[in-house]
């Protein structure tokens, strides 16, 4: 069981916006918790062969997804991809053999901070943008990001347990 769980749990009585943003922050904190205390080698370890999934890859992927949905889609910023590699595209997130751990975590934290700023610039959850011909609300992006983290935190839970036996929510 993870003894150093300092996550802030979402309120059971919050309004929609507070509820969505606090659930997203809790999911972000869960990924950080799953990575806490591991070496660079463990973070890069493909713990469930033949999968190429790693905890460091999940962190890099989370940074990319934050950047894409909040900065590119919601804020219409022309931002380049964060990671390049032989795999190319979204698969570059998971190409971690030579990835810098500190750089990945710093980029992820920076993208999370920028995402919070973009989300707070919207007056309402129902405010929309148009991207690639689709109308997308802040509510959709926040909900999608909670789903994205929740799915990958399930992966992170299995990866962490296979690395050192640590289990926990």
Protein backbone atom coordinates (compact mmCIF):
# COMPACT_ATOMS: atom_id res chain seq x y z
CA UNK A 1 0.00 0.00 0.00
CA UNK A 2 1.25 3.50 -0.80
CA UNK A 3 1.88 5.27 2.51
CA UNK A 4 2.80 8.67 1.07
CA UNK A 5 -0.60 9.41 -0.47
CA UNK A 6 -1.01 13.18 -0.18
CA UNK A 7 -3.61 13.58 -2.92
CA UNK A 8 -6.47 16.00 -2.34
CA UNK A 9 -9.76 14.20 -2.78
CA UNK A 10 -12.55 15.95 -4.69
CA UNK A 11 -15.41 17.35 -2.66
CA UNK A 12 -18.64 15.39 -2.67
CA UNK A 13 -20.64 18.63 -2.74
CA UNK A 14 -18.84 20.82 -5.29
CA UNK A 15 -20.35 22.55 -8.30
CA UNK A 16 -19.72 21.02 -11.72
CA UNK A 17 -16.63 23.05 -12.60
CA UNK A 18 -14.95 22.52 -9.25
CA UNK A 19 -15.85 18.84 -9.34
CA UNK A 20 -14.41 18.27 -12.82
CA UNK A 21 -11.21 20.23 -12.23
CA UNK A 22 -10.60 18.62 -8.84
CA UNK A 23 -11.21 15.11 -10.21
CA UNK A 24 -8.72 15.87 -12.99
CA UNK A 25 -6.16 17.16 -10.50
CA UNK A 26 -6.65 14.04 -8.37
CA UNK A 27 -6.03 11.86 -11.43
CA UNK A 28 -2.88 13.84 -12.21
CA UNK A 29 -1.71 13.37 -8.62
CA UNK A 30 -2.41 9.65 -8.90
CA UNK A 31 -0.01 9.31 -11.82
CA UNK A 32 2.65 11.22 -9.88
CA UNK A 33 2.06 8.96 -6.87
CA UNK A 34 2.51 5.82 -8.99
CA UNK A 35 5.91 7.12 -10.12
CA UNK A 36 7.12 8.38 -6.74
CA UNK A 37 10.25 6.78 -5.33
CA UNK A 38 11.29 4.88 -8.45
CA UNK A 39 14.66 5.04 -10.15
CA UNK A 40 15.09 6.26 -13.71
CA UNK A 41 15.64 2.66 -14.75
CA UNK A 42 12.40 1.54 -13.12
CA UNK A 43 10.48 4.40 -14.73
CA UNK A 44 11.85 3.31 -18.12
CA UNK A 45 11.27 -0.39 -17.45
CA UNK A 46 8.90 -2.29 -19.70
CA UNK A 47 7.47 -4.17 -16.80
CA UNK A 48 4.89 -6.25 -18.65
CA UNK A 49 6.49 -7.82 -21.75
CA UNK A 50 5.87 -7.75 -24.65
CA UNK A 51 4.22 -4.37 -24.07
CA UNK A 52 6.37 -1.27 -24.58
CA UNK A 53 4.36 0.61 -21.95
CA UNK A 54 6.38 2.24 -19.16
CA UNK A 55 5.62 4.66 -16.37
CA UNK A 56 7.91 7.24 -17.98
CA UNK A 57 6.08 6.75 -21.26
CA UNK A 58 2.79 7.41 -19.48
CA UNK A 59 4.17 10.65 -18.01
CA UNK A 60 5.38 11.78 -21.43
CA UNK A 61 2.04 10.80 -22.97
CA UNK A 62 0.16 12.74 -20.28
CA UNK A 63 2.24 15.83 -21.08
CA UNK A 64 1.45 15.45 -24.78
CA UNK A 65 -2.26 14.95 -24.22
CA UNK A 66 -2.45 17.95 -21.87
CA UNK A 67 -0.65 20.06 -24.47
CA UNK A 68 -2.86 18.86 -27.31
CA UNK A 69 -6.28 19.29 -25.70
CA UNK A 70 -5.73 22.46 -23.71
CA UNK A 71 -3.21 24.42 -25.74
CA UNK A 72 -3.82 23.26 -29.31
CA UNK A 73 -7.56 22.56 -29.21
CA UNK A 74 -8.95 24.91 -26.56
CA UNK A 75 -6.46 27.76 -26.81
CA UNK A 76 -5.72 27.50 -30.56
CA UNK A 77 -1.96 27.64 -29.98
CA UNK A 78 0.30 26.41 -32.73
CA UNK A 79 2.43 24.19 -30.50
CA UNK A 80 4.86 21.56 -31.74
CA UNK A 81 4.83 18.05 -30.39
CA UNK A 82 6.89 17.55 -27.27
CA UNK A 83 8.66 14.33 -28.17
CA UNK A 84 10.26 13.01 -31.30
CA UNK A 85 11.71 9.61 -31.86
CA UNK A 86 12.03 6.73 -34.21
CA UNK A 87 8.46 5.64 -33.50
CA UNK A 88 7.10 9.03 -34.57
CA UNK A 89 3.69 10.52 -33.84
CA UNK A 90 1.97 9.63 -30.60
CA UNK A 91 4.22 6.58 -30.25
CA UNK A 92 7.18 8.91 -29.64
CA UNK A 93 5.70 9.56 -26.18
CA UNK A 94 6.51 5.95 -25.29
CA UNK A 95 10.02 5.86 -26.82
CA UNK A 96 11.81 6.25 -23.49
CA UNK A 97 15.03 4.28 -23.82
CA UNK A 98 17.12 7.48 -23.89
CA UNK A 99 14.51 9.84 -22.45
CA UNK A 100 15.48 12.30 -19.75
CA UNK A 101 13.36 11.61 -16.66
CA UNK A 102 13.69 15.11 -15.20
CA UNK A 103 12.81 16.68 -18.54
CA UNK A 104 9.70 14.50 -18.87
CA UNK A 105 8.40 15.32 -15.40
CA UNK A 106 9.15 19.03 -15.82
CA UNK A 107 7.35 19.12 -19.16
CA UNK A 108 4.36 17.30 -17.70
CA UNK A 109 4.14 19.66 -14.71
CA UNK A 110 4.45 22.67 -17.03
CA UNK A 111 1.71 21.38 -19.32
CA UNK A 112 -0.57 20.70 -16.34
CA UNK A 113 -0.05 24.26 -15.11
CA UNK A 114 -0.77 25.66 -18.57
CA UNK A 115 -3.85 23.45 -18.84
CA UNK A 116 -5.19 24.82 -15.56
CA UNK A 117 -4.63 28.37 -16.82
CA UNK A 118 -6.40 27.67 -20.12
CA UNK A 119 -9.34 26.03 -18.35
CA UNK A 120 -9.66 28.94 -15.94
CA UNK A 121 -9.81 31.40 -18.86
CA UNK A 122 -13.17 29.93 -19.94
CA UNK A 123 -16.19 31.57 -18.32
CA UNK A 124 -18.31 28.44 -18.48
CA UNK A 125 -17.96 24.69 -18.90
CA UNK A 126 -20.30 25.08 -21.85
CA UNK A 127 -18.04 27.55 -23.70
CA UNK A 128 -16.92 26.03 -26.99
CA UNK A 129 -14.21 26.27 -29.59
CA UNK A 130 -14.11 24.95 -33.11
CA UNK A 131 -11.17 22.75 -34.03
CA UNK A 132 -10.84 20.76 -37.25
CA UNK A 133 -14.52 21.36 -37.95
CA UNK A 134 -15.70 20.04 -34.57
CA UNK A 135 -17.32 22.08 -31.82
CA UNK A 136 -15.72 21.19 -28.49
CA UNK A 137 -16.69 22.41 -25.02
CA UNK A 138 -14.49 22.86 -22.00
CA UNK A 139 -16.79 20.34 -20.26
CA UNK A 140 -15.95 17.72 -22.90
CA UNK A 141 -12.19 18.29 -22.61
CA UNK A 142 -12.19 18.09 -18.81
CA UNK A 143 -14.31 14.94 -18.87
CA UNK A 144 -12.16 13.38 -21.58
CA UNK A 145 -8.98 14.16 -19.65
CA UNK A 146 -10.37 12.52 -16.50
CA UNK A 147 -11.14 9.43 -18.60
CA UNK A 148 -7.67 9.54 -20.21
CA UNK A 149 -5.88 9.67 -16.87
CA UNK A 150 -8.15 7.09 -15.24
CA UNK A 151 -7.46 4.57 -18.02
CA UNK A 152 -3.71 5.16 -17.93
CA UNK A 153 -3.62 5.18 -14.12
CA UNK A 154 -4.95 1.64 -14.30
CA UNK A 155 -1.95 0.82 -16.47
CA UNK A 156 0.31 2.66 -14.03
CA UNK A 157 -1.07 0.64 -11.13
CA UNK A 158 -0.19 -2.64 -12.85
CA UNK A 159 3.22 -1.35 -13.94
CA UNK A 160 4.09 -0.18 -10.44
CA UNK A 161 2.99 -3.44 -8.85
CA UNK A 162 5.09 -5.44 -11.31
CA UNK A 163 8.15 -3.30 -10.57
CA UNK A 164 8.23 -3.41 -6.78
CA UNK A 165 5.00 -4.91 -5.49
CA UNK A 166 3.57 -1.58 -4.41
CA UNK A 167 -0.19 -1.49 -4.72
CA UNK A 168 -2.74 1.12 -3.90
CA UNK A 169 -5.37 3.37 -5.28
